[in-house]
């Protein structure tokens, strides 16, 4: 199921990995800019690291993404009203499945984006005091320029976290939520079945 949006996910989230920066004092645009710079240095060796030890590579990428991506927040929005119906174990299991899919999709796609030109656009106005900010970014490829909007929000620790992305006008949070709703119907509202099949490859 996840692979339906996997390539698009890689195209915009390739900048969110492998950095040891502290984000507490940085603004949302600085966070995106700093992580992008670190990422471009990592992409060149990403494909070799993935082939050498994929599990270790996934774990390393995942640990870093946890510092900048609010997986639980995104998973909650993806599940929608079902989140309140699910028990704590089901919520945790779906969040873990969602996170795993995102991490692996990113890690597998990193090697394909070594030569892209990435530019974070400056804010259009004063964003001081805001708790949620959209950061605009352009990713220039050989065929087209991708327009990306990162939804960044301050968490309870006053750190900026990624909570959603709009890629070329497509709201990926909504797209994943629609997939979850469809899967829930197909599985007779069985949350466990949806979670189990979330990262399954589509049947051909």
Foldseek 3Di string as FASTA:
>chain_A
DLVVCLVVLLQPCLLQFDDPDDQLPPDPLVVSVVSNVRSLVVLQCLVVVCVVPVVVSLVRGLVRLVVAAPLLLLLCLLQDPVNVVDDPVLSVLLSVLSSSLSSSSNSVCSNVQNPKDKDWDDDPDDCPPPFWDWTWMWIDDPVGIKIKTFIWGQDPSNGTHTRWMQINNRTVSVVSSVVLVVVCVVVVNDSVVCSVCVNPDDDD
